[in-house]
Structures are given as C-alpha cells and as structure tokens.
Amino acid sequence: MQDGLVRHGIASVVTVSQTGVRKYSQSWYYGIRRVRFVLTTSPIVGFTQIPVSSSPTYNVNGQAAPDSPSIDSAQIKICMDPTDTAAALTMITSPNPPQYLELFNEPDFSYMGFTPLTSPQDAAANLTQILAAQTTTKFISPAVAFINSDWLAQFDTACGQCIESKIDIVSAHIYNTSPDTVISMLQTLHSTWNKPIWITELAPASDPSQGCTFNDAEVINWMQTLLPQIVNLGYVERVFWNTGGWGPLSAQNPGLCNPSLTNADGSATGLLQAYGAICS
C-alpha cells in the first residue's frame, strides 16, 4: 500500500495529524518497514510512497535512513483515512503542495481491526473540503482493496461525480496469481472510469490465505510475464510493487510466494534483479 501501514504487512507508519506525529509501531511483519517501488512507462523507475507527513520519512530494517532528496522528491503522499484529512488539506493548500495525493488507503478493508473501514458516503463527506480546495495537487482515487467492487461507484455518486470532475487518476490494488485475470481486471476498471490507472499495490499475493504457492522462480516468471502486458495496455501509468523490503508472506516458509525485492540485510533478491532488467 504505502511505506508504512500496509495490509498484510508493514511494521510501522508515521503520519501527521492535527495533534502531531502519530506512529503505529506494532511489529506486524518482523519489524521491517516495507516500501513499494513503482514502474513508470517513460522512463520506468522505482521510488517509494509515503503517507501524509510534514517531512519525508522512511527507514531500513527498523532503523532511520538518511534523507535522500532524490527519493524524497518522488514520494507520493497518501491521506490514509479520515483522521488525516485536516493535515492533508493543510498540505495541499500550502505554498509547496505535493504533485499528487492519494485519497484513502483501502477504506473497504480493515487490517486486523487496526485500520478503519470507511463507507463510500462517509468518505465523500469527509473529503469534501479536499476536493473543493484551490490547489495544483492532482488527486488519486481511494485505493480500494477489492478492485471493481461497487465502492468507487457509490463514492462517485455520493461526492457528486467527483471521480469524473475532480480525480485525475484511479488507483488499484491487485493481488492475483493469474496474469490474464489481472489484465482483465484492469480492462474492466479502465472501461468503467476511462481514467489513467496507477496500480499502487501489486504482487501475486499479500497473505498465505490467498493460496499462492509460487516459489521464487515462479514469482519472477509472474513478474516478467505480467509487467510488459500492463505497460502495453497504454493507460496504466505507474505500478507500485509490494514490497521493496524483506517481507515474506510466511515466517515459517519464507520461500512461499515471497514478493520481497531485498533481503533482510538490504541486498538484492533475484526478484529485484529481474525487476531491474524489466525496467532497463
């Protein structure tokens, strides 16, 4: 999802609310804060994505990383949920607003009860001021967990067709072991909204319960097969791979459908090497 609190994954997230910095520090996934990498079609590059924050933050294996202006400037901000809208509104109306803002992260799914469920109607009401703000920031739609459900349609109705008039990009989270199914899902999403798509989470699976049995070579093959097909669609502008850090789906069997681009020591996995070859 983002660098921070991620469904089936990330160890911690730092966001900024009206009351200051809020940090979720429970180690849900081995104490490693995972990041997502993004593909773009011209050129295809990688960078991280972070929640609404007064300053860019990310870390490596639970330790603070030094500032990196080149990474910081490319990070995508997220208004995670209704508790972040005041901070997001301040940010997008500031003298230096971000280029993009994603509006809510999986409002239709609550990870273990830690992340809030938000109805389409409540989301529309909560985002009214943000969508009406005078800003140069481009808006990315709420990233729903269940692509092509009716959540976005209900949200669009409740916000007065804001997806058509106010939102520039439709976000998608996709976990599926079949490349053909992924392409079909994207085709349906694009035919519904006729907007550029950013896949802000992509991997064969995000949880062992989803039944992915790929070994490392099969995950690499899935990536090598699918990503060129996605680029060829022409309307998917960016693809965020989940995850950049070491975060196996199963602690007992780390070789099971492991989406990690780096090992626990920060070295590249075979998947990252394959990713780099696709991006070159």
Protein backbone atom coordinates (compact mmCIF):
# COMPACT_ATOMS: atom_id res chain seq x y z
CA MET A 1 0.00 0.00 0.00
CA GLN A 2 2.46 2.60 1.14
CA ASP A 3 5.68 2.97 3.01
CA GLY A 4 4.16 2.29 6.42
CA LEU A 5 0.94 0.65 7.47
CA VAL A 6 0.13 -1.90 4.81
CA ARG A 7 -2.46 -4.65 4.67
CA HIS A 8 -0.80 -7.98 5.46
CA GLY A 9 2.50 -6.37 6.04
CA ILE A 10 4.20 -3.29 7.19
CA ALA A 11 5.61 -2.84 10.63
CA SER A 12 5.08 0.85 11.25
CA VAL A 13 3.78 4.05 9.75
CA VAL A 14 4.38 7.66 10.58
CA THR A 15 1.73 10.18 9.59
CA VAL A 16 0.86 13.67 10.71
CA SER A 17 -2.49 14.57 12.18
CA GLN A 18 -3.82 17.73 13.78
CA THR A 19 -2.31 16.62 17.05
CA GLY A 20 1.14 15.92 15.62
CA VAL A 21 3.02 12.79 14.72
CA ARG A 22 1.16 9.53 15.09
CA LYS A 23 3.14 6.32 14.93
CA TYR A 24 1.93 2.74 14.78
CA SER A 25 4.87 0.71 15.99
CA GLN A 26 3.50 -2.78 16.48
CA SER A 27 5.79 -5.19 14.64
CA TRP A 28 3.24 -6.94 12.45
CA TYR A 29 5.81 -8.16 9.97
CA TYR A 30 9.12 -9.00 11.57
CA GLY A 31 9.99 -5.42 12.49
CA ILE A 32 10.76 -4.46 8.90
CA ARG A 33 9.16 -1.42 7.42
CA ARG A 34 8.50 -2.28 3.81
CA VAL A 35 8.37 0.11 0.90
CA ARG A 36 6.78 -0.11 -2.51
CA PHE A 37 8.57 0.51 -5.74
CA VAL A 38 6.92 1.99 -8.80
CA LEU A 39 7.26 1.42 -12.52
CA THR A 40 6.59 4.23 -14.95
CA THR A 41 6.41 3.78 -18.69
CA SER A 42 8.76 6.61 -19.66
CA PRO A 43 11.12 6.09 -18.08
CA ILE A 44 10.45 3.05 -15.88
CA VAL A 45 11.92 3.90 -12.49
CA GLY A 46 11.50 2.97 -8.84
CA PHE A 47 10.60 5.07 -5.82
CA THR A 48 8.75 4.86 -2.55
CA GLN A 49 5.34 6.03 -1.44
CA ILE A 50 4.58 7.55 1.98
CA PRO A 51 1.56 8.76 3.96
CA VAL A 52 0.77 12.40 4.66
CA SER A 53 3.75 13.74 6.59
CA SER A 54 5.34 17.09 7.32
CA SER A 55 8.65 15.68 6.12
CA PRO A 56 9.54 12.57 4.09
CA THR A 57 10.43 9.59 6.24
CA TYR A 58 11.42 6.02 5.55
CA ASN A 59 13.65 3.52 7.26
CA VAL A 60 15.65 0.39 6.65
CA ASN A 61 15.10 -2.70 8.79
CA GLY A 62 13.55 -0.60 11.52
CA GLN A 63 16.40 1.92 11.58
CA ALA A 64 16.14 5.51 10.40
CA ALA A 65 17.60 6.09 6.95
CA PRO A 66 19.42 9.28 5.95
CA ASP A 67 17.47 11.82 3.93
CA SER A 68 17.66 11.26 0.18
CA PRO A 69 16.43 14.31 -1.76
CA SER A 70 16.05 12.35 -4.98
CA ILE A 71 13.81 9.77 -3.27
CA ASP A 72 12.04 12.32 -1.08
CA SER A 73 11.01 14.43 -4.07
CA ALA A 74 9.48 11.40 -5.79
CA GLN A 75 7.46 10.06 -2.88
CA ILE A 76 3.70 10.02 -3.26
CA LYS A 77 1.65 11.33 -0.34
CA ILE A 78 -1.39 9.46 0.98
CA CYS A 79 -4.29 10.71 3.05
CA MET A 80 -4.60 7.37 4.80
CA ASP A 81 -8.07 7.71 6.32
CA PRO A 82 -10.48 10.34 7.72
CA THR A 83 -8.15 11.15 10.61
CA ASP A 84 -5.63 12.54 8.12
CA THR A 85 -7.83 14.87 6.09
CA ALA A 86 -7.08 18.02 8.13
CA ALA A 87 -3.34 17.50 7.69
CA ALA A 88 -3.82 16.70 4.01
CA LEU A 89 -5.87 19.84 3.45
CA THR A 90 -3.17 21.95 5.08
CA MET A 91 -0.53 20.30 2.94
CA ILE A 92 -2.25 20.71 -0.45
CA THR A 93 -3.07 24.38 0.22
CA SER A 94 0.45 25.21 1.42
CA PRO A 95 2.92 27.23 -0.69
CA ASN A 96 4.57 23.96 -1.78
CA PRO A 97 1.79 21.42 -2.35
CA PRO A 98 2.68 17.88 -3.45
CA GLN A 99 2.19 16.93 -7.08
CA TYR A 100 -0.10 14.03 -6.13
CA LEU A 101 -2.25 12.95 -3.20
CA GLU A 102 -3.90 9.54 -2.86
CA LEU A 103 -7.27 9.78 -1.11
CA PHE A 104 -7.65 7.00 1.49
CA ASN A 105 -5.97 3.64 1.63
CA GLU A 106 -8.27 0.60 1.41
CA PRO A 107 -11.33 2.19 3.02
CA ASP A 108 -13.21 -1.03 2.21
CA PHE A 109 -10.87 -3.27 4.23
CA SER A 110 -9.73 -3.24 7.85
CA TYR A 111 -6.45 -4.98 8.56
CA MET A 112 -6.91 -6.92 11.81
CA GLY A 113 -9.10 -4.08 13.08
CA PHE A 114 -6.19 -1.62 13.11
CA THR A 115 -7.24 0.34 10.03
CA PRO A 116 -10.69 1.91 9.85
CA LEU A 117 -13.46 0.91 7.49
CA THR A 118 -14.99 3.93 5.78
CA SER A 119 -18.23 3.80 3.82
CA PRO A 120 -18.35 5.47 0.39
CA GLN A 121 -20.81 8.02 1.75
CA ASP A 122 -18.69 8.88 4.79
CA ALA A 123 -15.57 9.08 2.62
CA ALA A 124 -17.29 11.50 0.24
CA ALA A 125 -18.41 13.71 3.12
CA ASN A 126 -15.01 13.63 4.77
CA LEU A 127 -13.16 14.55 1.55
CA THR A 128 -15.44 17.43 0.56
CA GLN A 129 -13.01 20.19 1.57
CA ILE A 130 -10.04 18.47 -0.02
CA LEU A 131 -11.84 18.01 -3.33
CA ALA A 132 -13.01 21.65 -3.28
CA ALA A 133 -9.59 23.07 -2.37
CA GLN A 134 -7.73 25.50 -4.62
CA THR A 135 -4.58 23.51 -5.27
CA THR A 136 -2.29 22.29 -8.02
CA THR A 137 -2.19 18.83 -6.44
CA LYS A 138 -3.56 16.04 -8.61
CA PHE A 139 -5.83 13.59 -6.83
CA ILE A 140 -5.59 9.81 -6.95
CA SER A 141 -8.81 7.96 -6.13
CA PRO A 142 -9.24 5.99 -2.93
CA ALA A 143 -7.31 2.74 -3.32
CA VAL A 144 -9.84 0.02 -2.66
CA ALA A 145 -8.82 -3.47 -1.60
CA PHE A 146 -11.41 -5.10 -3.83
CA ILE A 147 -10.96 -3.86 -7.38
CA ASN A 148 -14.15 -3.47 -9.45
CA SER A 149 -16.42 -3.70 -6.42
CA ASP A 150 -19.16 -1.06 -6.15
CA TRP A 151 -17.31 1.01 -3.53
CA LEU A 152 -15.92 3.55 -6.02
CA ALA A 153 -19.25 3.80 -7.84
CA GLN A 154 -21.06 4.55 -4.58
CA PHE A 155 -18.35 7.05 -3.63
CA ASP A 156 -18.67 8.77 -7.01
CA THR A 157 -22.42 9.12 -6.57
CA ALA A 158 -22.04 10.45 -3.03
CA CYS A 159 -19.41 13.02 -4.00
CA GLY A 160 -21.35 14.36 -6.99
CA GLN A 161 -19.42 12.50 -9.70
CA CYS A 162 -16.09 13.73 -8.33
CA ILE A 163 -14.18 10.91 -9.99
CA GLU A 164 -15.12 12.37 -13.35
CA SER A 165 -14.61 16.01 -12.39
CA LYS A 166 -12.02 16.17 -9.59
CA ILE A 167 -9.93 12.99 -9.59
CA ASP A 168 -7.18 12.61 -12.14
CA ILE A 169 -6.08 9.00 -11.59
CA VAL A 170 -7.83 5.80 -10.48
CA SER A 171 -5.88 3.68 -8.01
CA ALA A 172 -5.93 -0.12 -7.90
CA HIS A 173 -4.58 -2.76 -5.51
CA ILE A 174 -4.14 -6.09 -7.25
CA TYR A 175 -3.10 -9.48 -5.88
CA ASN A 176 -3.75 -12.40 -8.20
CA THR A 177 -1.62 -15.27 -9.44
CA SER A 178 -3.08 -15.21 -12.97
CA PRO A 179 -1.65 -12.56 -15.33
CA ASP A 180 -4.68 -12.98 -17.59
CA THR A 181 -7.02 -12.23 -14.68
CA VAL A 182 -5.01 -9.16 -13.70
CA ILE A 183 -5.22 -7.79 -17.25
CA SER A 184 -8.96 -8.47 -17.35
CA MET A 185 -9.43 -6.64 -14.04
CA LEU A 186 -7.55 -3.63 -15.36
CA GLN A 187 -9.53 -3.60 -18.59
CA THR A 188 -12.77 -3.58 -16.62
CA LEU A 189 -11.55 -0.80 -14.33
CA HIS A 190 -10.50 1.37 -17.27
CA SER A 191 -13.71 0.80 -19.18
CA THR A 192 -15.65 1.88 -16.08
CA TRP A 193 -13.81 5.14 -15.41
CA ASN A 194 -11.81 5.95 -18.57
CA LYS A 195 -9.03 7.42 -16.44
CA PRO A 196 -5.30 6.72 -16.16
CA ILE A 197 -4.64 3.91 -13.67
CA TRP A 198 -1.95 3.64 -11.03
CA ILE A 199 -1.56 0.17 -9.54
CA THR A 200 -0.49 1.28 -6.07
CA GLU A 201 -0.05 -2.30 -4.86
CA LEU A 202 0.89 -5.28 -7.00
CA ALA A 203 2.13 -8.78 -6.18
CA PRO A 204 0.89 -12.35 -6.73
CA ALA A 205 -0.50 -12.40 -3.17
CA SER A 206 -0.46 -10.42 0.06
CA ASP A 207 -1.32 -13.21 2.50
CA PRO A 208 -0.83 -17.00 2.66
CA SER A 209 -4.60 -17.43 2.83
CA GLN A 210 -4.84 -16.32 -0.80
CA GLY A 211 -3.38 -19.65 -1.86
CA CYS A 212 -0.31 -18.59 -3.80
CA THR A 213 2.17 -21.50 -3.92
CA PHE A 214 4.81 -19.87 -6.16
CA ASN A 215 8.46 -20.46 -5.44
CA ASP A 216 10.99 -17.68 -6.10
CA ALA A 217 11.43 -18.61 -9.77
CA GLU A 218 7.67 -18.64 -10.31
CA VAL A 219 7.26 -15.19 -8.71
CA ILE A 220 9.95 -13.90 -11.07
CA ASN A 221 8.20 -15.50 -14.04
CA TRP A 222 4.89 -13.94 -12.96
CA MET A 223 6.51 -10.51 -12.83
CA GLN A 224 8.29 -10.96 -16.16
CA THR A 225 5.09 -12.14 -17.82
CA LEU A 226 2.70 -9.57 -16.39
CA LEU A 227 4.52 -6.25 -16.28
CA PRO A 228 5.16 -5.92 -20.03
CA GLN A 229 1.46 -6.72 -20.64
CA ILE A 230 0.46 -3.98 -18.20
CA VAL A 231 2.71 -1.44 -19.90
CA ASN A 232 1.27 -2.41 -23.29
CA LEU A 233 -2.25 -1.53 -22.15
CA GLY A 234 -1.28 2.10 -22.56
CA TYR A 235 -3.39 3.53 -19.73
CA VAL A 236 -1.59 2.16 -16.68
CA GLU A 237 0.87 4.93 -15.89
CA ARG A 238 2.56 3.55 -12.78
CA VAL A 239 2.90 0.24 -10.99
CA PHE A 240 3.94 0.04 -7.34
CA TRP A 241 5.43 -3.33 -6.42
CA ASN A 242 4.67 -4.53 -2.92
CA THR A 243 7.17 -4.93 -1.37
CA GLY A 244 10.61 -3.35 -1.57
CA GLY A 245 11.84 -4.58 1.82
CA TRP A 246 12.13 -8.11 3.19
CA GLY A 247 8.61 -9.25 3.98
CA PRO A 248 7.84 -12.91 3.25
CA LEU A 249 4.21 -13.93 3.43
CA SER A 250 5.06 -16.81 5.74
CA ALA A 251 7.62 -16.64 8.55
CA GLN A 252 7.67 -20.44 8.64
CA ASN A 253 8.19 -20.75 4.88
CA PRO A 254 9.87 -17.60 3.54
CA GLY A 255 10.22 -19.16 0.09
CA LEU A 256 6.44 -19.31 -0.32
CA CYS A 257 5.28 -16.66 -2.83
CA ASN A 258 7.79 -14.18 -1.42
CA PRO A 259 7.37 -10.70 -3.02
CA SER A 260 10.48 -9.15 -1.41
CA LEU A 261 12.80 -7.12 -3.62
CA THR A 262 15.53 -7.03 -0.97
CA ASN A 263 16.79 -9.44 1.67
CA ALA A 264 16.82 -8.68 5.39
CA ASP A 265 20.37 -7.32 5.06
CA GLY A 266 19.33 -4.98 2.27
CA SER A 267 20.92 -6.95 -0.55
CA ALA A 268 19.01 -7.54 -3.78
CA THR A 269 16.90 -10.65 -4.21
CA GLY A 270 16.60 -12.40 -7.57
CA LEU A 271 13.22 -10.69 -7.91
CA LEU A 272 14.82 -7.23 -7.71
CA GLN A 273 17.38 -8.25 -10.30
CA ALA A 274 14.56 -9.35 -12.60
CA TYR A 275 12.70 -6.12 -11.84
CA GLY A 276 15.75 -4.12 -12.79
CA ALA A 277 16.04 -5.98 -16.08
CA ILE A 278 12.41 -5.18 -16.92
CA CYS A 279 12.97 -1.51 -16.03
CA SER A 280 16.14 -1.14 -18.10
